[in-house]
Structures are given as C-alpha cells and as structure tokens.
C-alpha cells in the first residue's frame, strides 16, 4: 500500500529541479506535479494546495517570494534572492 504524498513534499521535489533564480508560481508547480506524479496521485493537485505549500516554504526560509500576487495575478517565487 502506497503512502499518501503530501503536496509540500511534491512541490519541494519540483522546485529542486528549477534554477536558483528561475521564477515560478503555484500554477506552474501544480501543473508540473500533476504531469510528473500523475500515476501516484489519487486526484490532481489543486493550485490552492500548492499555494499554501509555497507560503509555508517562504515562512520557513526555503524559498523567496519575489512578487506578491493579487486577485488575478499569482505570486512569483525563486529558490534564492
């Protein structure tokens, strides 16, 4: 029986493959998770779930938010400042 994969774990795996200054947002990360890990997921990962995981990573210092998002524009992040 497979264990449940956490959204933050999957997001971390995707972000590790990005360059240190390559910008990414929750939509990009969610699409990549759904593409790379589709066979292991019960349901597709929601952009809101990824957004929460990215905010948690900013709070713990793992990634840096470079652009604050608004109602119709997503926040942008990088691995390093």
Protein backbone atom coordinates (compact mmCIF):
# COMPACT_ATOMS: atom_id res chain seq x y z
CA UNK A 1 0.00 0.00 0.00
CA UNK A 2 1.37 3.38 -1.01
CA UNK A 3 1.59 6.17 1.50
CA UNK A 4 -0.15 9.46 0.88
CA UNK A 5 2.09 12.01 -0.82
CA UNK A 6 1.98 15.47 0.71
CA UNK A 7 1.63 18.50 -1.50
CA UNK A 8 4.60 20.21 0.15
CA UNK A 9 6.81 17.15 -0.49
CA UNK A 10 5.83 17.07 -4.17
CA UNK A 11 6.28 20.84 -4.52
CA UNK A 12 9.73 20.57 -2.97
CA UNK A 13 10.69 17.88 -5.47
CA UNK A 14 9.56 20.06 -8.39
CA UNK A 15 11.29 23.20 -7.04
CA UNK A 16 14.59 21.34 -6.58
CA UNK A 17 14.74 20.92 -10.36
CA UNK A 18 14.44 24.65 -11.01
CA UNK A 19 17.36 27.03 -11.32
CA UNK A 20 18.24 29.21 -8.31
CA UNK A 21 16.88 32.39 -9.92
CA UNK A 22 14.21 30.83 -12.15
CA UNK A 23 10.80 32.32 -11.26
CA UNK A 24 7.83 30.03 -10.65
CA UNK A 25 4.29 30.33 -9.36
CA UNK A 26 1.70 27.98 -7.89
CA UNK A 27 0.10 27.33 -11.30
CA UNK A 28 3.43 26.24 -12.77
CA UNK A 29 4.26 24.00 -9.83
CA UNK A 30 0.76 22.44 -9.74
CA UNK A 31 0.89 21.67 -13.47
CA UNK A 32 4.34 20.09 -13.10
CA UNK A 33 3.23 17.99 -10.10
CA UNK A 34 0.17 16.77 -11.98
CA UNK A 35 2.30 15.91 -15.01
CA UNK A 36 5.22 14.21 -13.22
CA UNK A 37 3.36 12.38 -10.47
CA UNK A 38 0.01 11.61 -12.16
CA UNK A 39 0.39 7.84 -11.75
CA UNK A 40 0.98 8.15 -7.99
CA UNK A 41 -1.80 10.68 -7.25
CA UNK A 42 -5.39 9.78 -6.44
CA UNK A 43 -6.59 13.23 -7.54
CA UNK A 44 -4.92 16.08 -9.30
CA UNK A 45 -3.28 18.67 -7.08
CA UNK A 46 -5.15 21.95 -6.76
CA UNK A 47 -3.41 25.31 -7.28
CA UNK A 48 -4.67 26.45 -3.86
CA UNK A 49 -2.98 23.49 -2.18
CA UNK A 50 0.31 24.33 -3.88
CA UNK A 51 -0.08 28.00 -2.96
CA UNK A 52 -0.41 27.08 0.71
CA UNK A 53 2.69 24.88 0.49
CA UNK A 54 4.68 27.67 -1.17
CA UNK A 55 3.62 30.18 1.51
CA UNK A 56 4.78 27.71 4.16
CA UNK A 57 8.14 27.37 2.39
CA UNK A 58 8.52 31.17 2.35
CA UNK A 59 7.78 31.34 6.08
CA UNK A 60 10.43 28.70 6.81
CA UNK A 61 13.02 30.35 4.54
CA UNK A 62 13.24 27.61 1.91
CA UNK A 63 12.21 29.87 -1.00
CA UNK A 64 11.85 33.63 -1.57
CA UNK A 65 8.74 35.45 -2.78
CA UNK A 66 9.79 37.92 -5.47
CA UNK A 67 6.38 39.27 -6.45
CA UNK A 68 3.23 39.49 -4.36
CA UNK A 69 0.11 38.14 -6.01
CA UNK A 70 -3.24 39.83 -6.31
CA UNK A 71 -6.74 38.73 -7.19
CA UNK A 72 -5.99 37.89 -10.80
CA UNK A 73 -2.21 37.52 -10.69
CA UNK A 74 -0.28 34.79 -8.94
CA UNK A 75 2.65 35.34 -6.61
CA UNK A 76 6.08 34.56 -8.03
CA UNK A 77 8.86 32.80 -6.16
CA UNK A 78 12.51 31.82 -6.65
CA UNK A 79 14.80 29.44 -4.78
CA UNK A 80 17.27 32.22 -3.96
CA UNK A 81 17.09 36.01 -3.76
